[in-house]
C-alpha atoms as a PDB file:
ATOM      1  CA  MET A   1      95.721-114.771 183.092  1.00  0.00           C
ATOM      2  CA  TYR A   2      92.632-116.932 182.970  1.00  0.00           C
ATOM      3  CA  CYS A   3      90.717-117.876 179.845  1.00  0.00           C
ATOM      4  CA  SER A   4      87.627-119.981 179.932  1.00  0.00           C
ATOM      5  CA  PRO A   5      87.926-123.350 178.172  1.00  0.00           C
ATOM      6  CA  GLY A   6      85.399-122.125 175.616  1.00  0.00           C
ATOM      7  CA  SER A   7      87.786-119.426 174.404  1.00  0.00           C
ATOM      8  CA  PHE A   8      90.346-121.886 172.981  1.00  0.00           C
ATOM      9  CA  PRO A   9      88.409-122.704 169.758  1.00  0.00           C
ATOM     10  CA  LEU A  10      88.983-119.097 168.652  1.00  0.00           C
ATOM     11  CA  LEU A  11      92.777-119.362 168.762  1.00  0.00           C
ATOM     12  CA  PRO A  12      93.374-121.446 165.584  1.00  0.00           C
ATOM     13  CA  LYS A  13      91.740-118.699 163.503  1.00  0.00           C
ATOM     14  CA  PHE A  14      94.740-116.433 164.065  1.00  0.00           C
ATOM     15  CA  ARG A  15      97.879-116.858 162.011  1.00  0.00           C
ATOM     16  CA  PHE A  16     100.420-116.125 164.779  1.00  0.00           C
ATOM     17  CA  ILE A  17      99.775-116.505 168.501  1.00  0.00           C
ATOM     18  CA  VAL A  18     101.792-115.112 171.430  1.00  0.00           C
ATOM     19  CA  ALA A  19     101.072-116.349 174.950  1.00  0.00           C
ATOM     20  CA  ALA A  20     102.722-113.972 177.412  1.00  0.00           C
ATOM     21  CA  VAL A  21     103.282-114.538 181.135  1.00  0.00           C
ATOM     22  CA  ASP A  22     104.835-111.845 183.317  1.00  0.00           C
ATOM     23  CA  GLN A  23     106.609-113.333 186.344  1.00  0.00           C
ATOM     24  CA  THR A  24     108.593-110.169 187.146  1.00  0.00           C
ATOM     25  CA  VAL A  25     106.827-109.993 190.501  1.00  0.00           C
ATOM     26  CA  TRP A  26     105.757-113.364 191.862  1.00  0.00           C
ATOM     27  CA  SER A  27     102.021-113.745 192.231  1.00  0.00           C
ATOM     28  CA  ALA A  28     100.869-114.545 195.771  1.00  0.00           C
ATOM     29  CA  ASN A  29      97.748-116.377 194.612  1.00  0.00           C
ATOM     30  CA  ASP A  30      99.522-119.519 193.281  1.00  0.00           C
ATOM     31  CA  SER A  31      98.249-119.098 189.726  1.00  0.00           C
ATOM     32  CA  VAL A  32     101.710-119.731 188.237  1.00  0.00           C
ATOM     33  CA  ALA A  33     101.124-123.431 187.471  1.00  0.00           C
ATOM     34  CA  GLU A  34      97.802-122.631 185.794  1.00  0.00           C
ATOM     35  CA  GLN A  35      99.373-119.824 183.738  1.00  0.00           C
ATOM     36  CA  LEU A  36     102.265-122.004 182.575  1.00  0.00           C
ATOM     37  CA  SER A  37      99.935-124.910 181.786  1.00  0.00           C
ATOM     38  CA  MET A  38      97.841-122.631 179.583  1.00  0.00           C
ATOM     39  CA  LEU A  39     100.984-121.239 177.917  1.00  0.00           C
ATOM     40  CA  SER A  40     102.208-124.795 177.206  1.00  0.00           C
ATOM     41  CA  THR A  41      98.862-125.750 175.685  1.00  0.00           C
ATOM     42  CA  ILE A  42      98.957-122.734 173.388  1.00  0.00           C
ATOM     43  CA  VAL A  43     102.562-123.216 172.205  1.00  0.00           C
ATOM     44  CA  ASN A  44     101.871-126.876 171.442  1.00  0.00           C
ATOM     45  CA  MET A  45      99.095-125.854 169.024  1.00  0.00           C
ATOM     46  CA  GLY A  46     101.575-125.464 166.173  1.00  0.00           C
ATOM     47  CA  GLY A  47     104.608-123.825 164.639  1.00  0.00           C
ATOM     48  CA  THR A  48     103.111-120.339 164.648  1.00  0.00           C
ATOM     49  CA  SER A  49     102.500-120.197 168.414  1.00  0.00           C
ATOM     50  CA  VAL A  50     105.075-118.930 170.886  1.00  0.00           C
ATOM     51  CA  GLY A  51     105.276-118.383 174.627  1.00  0.00           C
ATOM     52  CA  TYR A  52     107.015-115.439 176.196  1.00  0.00           C
ATOM     53  CA  ILE A  53     107.828-115.377 179.934  1.00  0.00           C
ATOM     54  CA  GLN A  54     109.334-112.395 181.712  1.00  0.00           C
ATOM     55  CA  MET A  55     111.344-114.090 184.440  1.00  0.00           C
ATOM     56  CA  PRO A  56     111.448-112.994 188.094  1.00  0.00           C
ATOM     57  CA  THR A  57     113.962-110.242 188.751  1.00  0.00           C
ATOM     58  CA  PHE A  58     115.933-109.329 191.831  1.00  0.00           C
ATOM     59  CA  GLN A  59     114.329-106.540 193.814  1.00  0.00           C
ATOM     60  CA  ALA A  60     115.235-104.875 197.104  1.00  0.00           C
ATOM     61  CA  GLN A  61     112.530-106.788 199.010  1.00  0.00           C
ATOM     62  CA  THR A  62     113.506-110.182 197.500  1.00  0.00           C
ATOM     63  CA  ALA A  63     116.296-112.393 198.806  1.00  0.00           C
ATOM     64  CA  LEU A  64     118.407-114.507 196.455  1.00  0.00           C
ATOM     65  CA  GLN A  65     117.063-117.926 197.560  1.00  0.00           C
ATOM     66  CA  PRO A  66     113.368-117.147 196.838  1.00  0.00           C
ATOM     67  CA  LEU A  67     114.355-115.627 193.477  1.00  0.00           C
ATOM     68  CA  VAL A  68     116.221-118.794 192.435  1.00  0.00           C
ATOM     69  CA  LYS A  69     113.364-120.964 193.764  1.00  0.00           C
ATOM     70  CA  ARG A  70     110.834-119.029 191.679  1.00  0.00           C
ATOM     71  CA  ARG A  71     112.909-119.379 188.521  1.00  0.00           C
ATOM     72  CA  ARG A  72     113.247-123.103 189.159  1.00  0.00           C
ATOM     73  CA  ILE A  73     109.489-123.468 189.637  1.00  0.00           C
ATOM     74  CA  VAL A  74     108.974-121.922 186.196  1.00  0.00           C
ATOM     75  CA  GLU A  75     111.643-124.152 184.629  1.00  0.00           C
ATOM     76  CA  ASP A  76     110.451-127.345 186.357  1.00  0.00           C
ATOM     77  CA  THR A  77     106.850-126.693 185.329  1.00  0.00           C
ATOM     78  CA  LEU A  78     107.932-126.165 181.714  1.00  0.00           C
ATOM     79  CA  LEU A  79     110.047-129.346 181.793  1.00  0.00           C
ATOM     80  CA  LYS A  80     106.959-131.347 182.777  1.00  0.00           C
ATOM     81  CA  SER A  81     105.059-129.778 179.864  1.00  0.00           C
ATOM     82  CA  ASP A  82     107.515-131.094 177.273  1.00  0.00           C
ATOM     83  CA  VAL A  83     108.132-127.735 175.597  1.00  0.00           C
ATOM     84  CA  ASP A  84     111.347-126.140 174.362  1.00  0.00           C
ATOM     85  CA  PHE A  85     112.485-123.160 176.424  1.00  0.00           C
ATOM     86  CA  THR A  86     116.154-123.094 175.441  1.00  0.00           C
ATOM     87  CA  ASN A  87     115.847-119.700 173.740  1.00  0.00           C
ATOM     88  CA  GLN A  88     116.145-116.563 175.827  1.00  0.00           C
ATOM     89  CA  LEU A  89     116.150-112.909 175.084  1.00  0.00           C
ATOM     90  CA  VAL A  90     116.958-109.818 177.103  1.00  0.00           C
ATOM     91  CA  LEU A  91     114.838-106.693 177.352  1.00  0.00           C
ATOM     92  CA  LEU A  92     116.947-103.537 177.624  1.00  0.00           C
ATOM     93  CA  PHE A  93     114.919-100.802 179.288  1.00  0.00           C
ATOM     94  CA  GLN A  94     115.145 -97.162 178.276  1.00  0.00           C
ATOM     95  CA  LYS A  95     114.782 -95.152 181.483  1.00  0.00           C
ATOM     96  CA  ASP A  96     113.962 -91.486 181.718  1.00  0.00           C
ATOM     97  CA  SER A  97     117.370 -89.764 181.813  1.00  0.00           C
ATOM     98  CA  VAL A  98     116.092 -87.233 184.372  1.00  0.00           C
ATOM     99  CA  ARG A  99     115.290 -89.943 186.939  1.00  0.00           C
ATOM    100  CA  THR A 100     118.281 -92.289 186.595  1.00  0.00           C
ATOM    101  CA  ASN A 101     119.709 -91.391 190.008  1.00  0.00           C
ATOM    102  CA  VAL A 102     116.479 -92.362 191.852  1.00  0.00           C
ATOM    103  CA  ASP A 103     115.204 -95.157 189.582  1.00  0.00           C
ATOM    104  CA  LYS A 104     116.371 -98.411 191.195  1.00  0.00           C
ATOM    105  CA  ARG A 105     114.628-100.730 188.735  1.00  0.00           C
ATOM    106  CA  PRO A 106     116.918-103.055 186.773  1.00  0.00           C
ATOM    107  CA  SER A 107     117.910-101.836 183.323  1.00  0.00           C
ATOM    108  CA  SER A 108     117.406-105.283 181.774  1.00  0.00           C
ATOM    109  CA  GLN A 109     115.307-108.408 182.194  1.00  0.00           C
ATOM    110  CA  VAL A 110     115.742-111.985 181.010  1.00  0.00           C
ATOM    111  CA  CYS A 111     112.815-113.556 179.175  1.00  0.00           C
ATOM    112  CA  MET A 112     112.240-117.140 178.092  1.00  0.00           C
ATOM    113  CA  ILE A 113     110.934-117.988 174.669  1.00  0.00           C
ATOM    114  CA  VAL A 114     108.818-121.156 174.756  1.00  0.00           C
ATOM    115  CA  VAL A 115     107.925-123.170 171.656  1.00  0.00           C
ATOM    116  CA  GLY A 116     106.287-126.539 171.065  1.00  0.00           C
ATOM    117  CA  GLY A 117     109.099-127.854 168.878  1.00  0.00           C
ATOM    118  CA  LYS A 118     112.202-126.941 166.908  1.00  0.00           C
ATOM    119  CA  GLN A 119     110.195-126.129 163.749  1.00  0.00           C
ATOM    120  CA  ASN A 120     108.669-122.815 164.781  1.00  0.00           C
ATOM    121  CA  LYS A 121     108.328-119.675 162.654  1.00  0.00           C
ATOM    122  CA  TRP A 122     108.988-117.440 165.674  1.00  0.00           C
ATOM    123  CA  LEU A 123     112.537-118.802 165.984  1.00  0.00           C
ATOM    124  CA  GLU A 124     113.331-117.015 162.692  1.00  0.00           C
ATOM    125  CA  SER A 125     112.354-113.579 164.038  1.00  0.00           C
ATOM    126  CA  ALA A 126     114.991-110.860 164.371  1.00  0.00           C
ATOM    127  CA  ALA A 127     114.363-110.445 168.113  1.00  0.00           C
ATOM    128  CA  ILE A 128     114.916-114.123 168.900  1.00  0.00           C
ATOM    129  CA  GLN A 129     117.887-114.365 166.536  1.00  0.00           C
ATOM    130  CA  SER A 130     119.607-111.366 168.181  1.00  0.00           C
ATOM    131  CA  GLN A 131     118.361-112.373 171.663  1.00  0.00           C
ATOM    132  CA  VAL A 132     117.865-108.689 172.523  1.00  0.00           C
ATOM    133  CA  ILE A 133     114.998-106.204 172.382  1.00  0.00           C
ATOM    134  CA  PRO A 134     116.605-102.785 172.913  1.00  0.00           C
ATOM    135  CA  GLN A 135     115.137 -99.480 174.073  1.00  0.00           C
ATOM    136  CA  VAL A 136     111.975-100.761 175.761  1.00  0.00           C
ATOM    137  CA  PRO A 137     110.419 -97.637 177.319  1.00  0.00           C
ATOM    138  CA  VAL A 138     109.417 -97.718 180.983  1.00  0.00           C
ATOM    139  CA  CYS A 139     107.317 -95.264 182.933  1.00  0.00           C
ATOM    140  CA  SER A 140     107.316 -94.388 186.600  1.00  0.00           C
ATOM    141  CA  VAL A 141     105.034 -96.394 188.874  1.00  0.00           C
ATOM    142  CA  SER A 142     102.908 -93.330 189.651  1.00  0.00           C
ATOM    143  CA  GLU A 143     102.096 -93.002 185.922  1.00  0.00           C
ATOM    144  CA  MET A 144     100.852 -96.601 185.582  1.00  0.00           C
ATOM    145  CA  GLN A 145      97.187 -97.206 184.863  1.00  0.00           C
ATOM    146  CA  GLY A 146      95.177 -97.785 188.033  1.00  0.00           C
ATOM    147  CA  TYR A 147      97.900 -96.623 190.444  1.00  0.00           C
ATOM    148  CA  ASP A 148      96.349 -95.538 193.746  1.00  0.00           C
ATOM    149  CA  THR A 149      98.206 -92.458 195.010  1.00  0.00           C
ATOM    150  CA  ASP A 150      96.532 -92.740 198.431  1.00  0.00           C
ATOM    151  CA  SER A 151      97.406 -96.342 199.358  1.00  0.00           C
ATOM    152  CA  LYS A 152     100.568 -96.574 197.191  1.00  0.00           C
ATOM    153  CA  PRO A 153     100.427-100.366 196.740  1.00  0.00           C
ATOM    154  CA  GLY A 154     103.651-102.348 196.546  1.00  0.00           C
ATOM    155  CA  ALA A 155     104.818-104.338 193.522  1.00  0.00           C
ATOM    156  CA  ALA A 156     103.035-107.573 194.518  1.00  0.00           C
ATOM    157  CA  ALA A 157      99.734-105.771 195.147  1.00  0.00           C
ATOM    158  CA  ARG A 158      99.990-104.008 191.783  1.00  0.00           C
ATOM    159  CA  ALA A 159     100.731-107.332 190.025  1.00  0.00           C
ATOM    160  CA  GLU A 160      97.524-108.847 191.409  1.00  0.00           C
ATOM    161  CA  GLN A 161      95.421-105.799 190.688  1.00  0.00           C
ATOM    162  CA  CYS A 162      92.493-106.281 188.305  1.00  0.00           C
ATOM    163  CA  LEU A 163      91.666-103.237 186.200  1.00  0.00           C
ATOM    164  CA  ASP A 164      88.350-102.794 184.439  1.00  0.00           C
END
């Protein structure tokens, strides 16, 4: 998630702004601080801007200590940015009923909602009030855009993949 500094003047023209950061799989290229800094800048633009962070999830190849460390890095970075991230919501995934016995992905994911202050229009939304977004459809990895069936890249490689 990189935007050139020249792209920021366009943002105030929009009525509502969502800055989304997906930390489900931790990026190996250390861009997390830059992503969170940009998210903090955007949410501090006003009461109609919101940040949305999908937090790291436990996976078979991830031990508990690195998972907790990654969550703390996100939280510590946000603390330094002086933003409010006390609101959370949970995504409830709707998996294909045919594949439930082989699909090992979690059926839910915690997300942080980040705002620049307590007076934010997004805090009135039904999703944030209920703290749940149900029935989020998921597809199999092999159906994802840009998936290479020959090399079968892992989750981290797919997260860093740039698609044209």
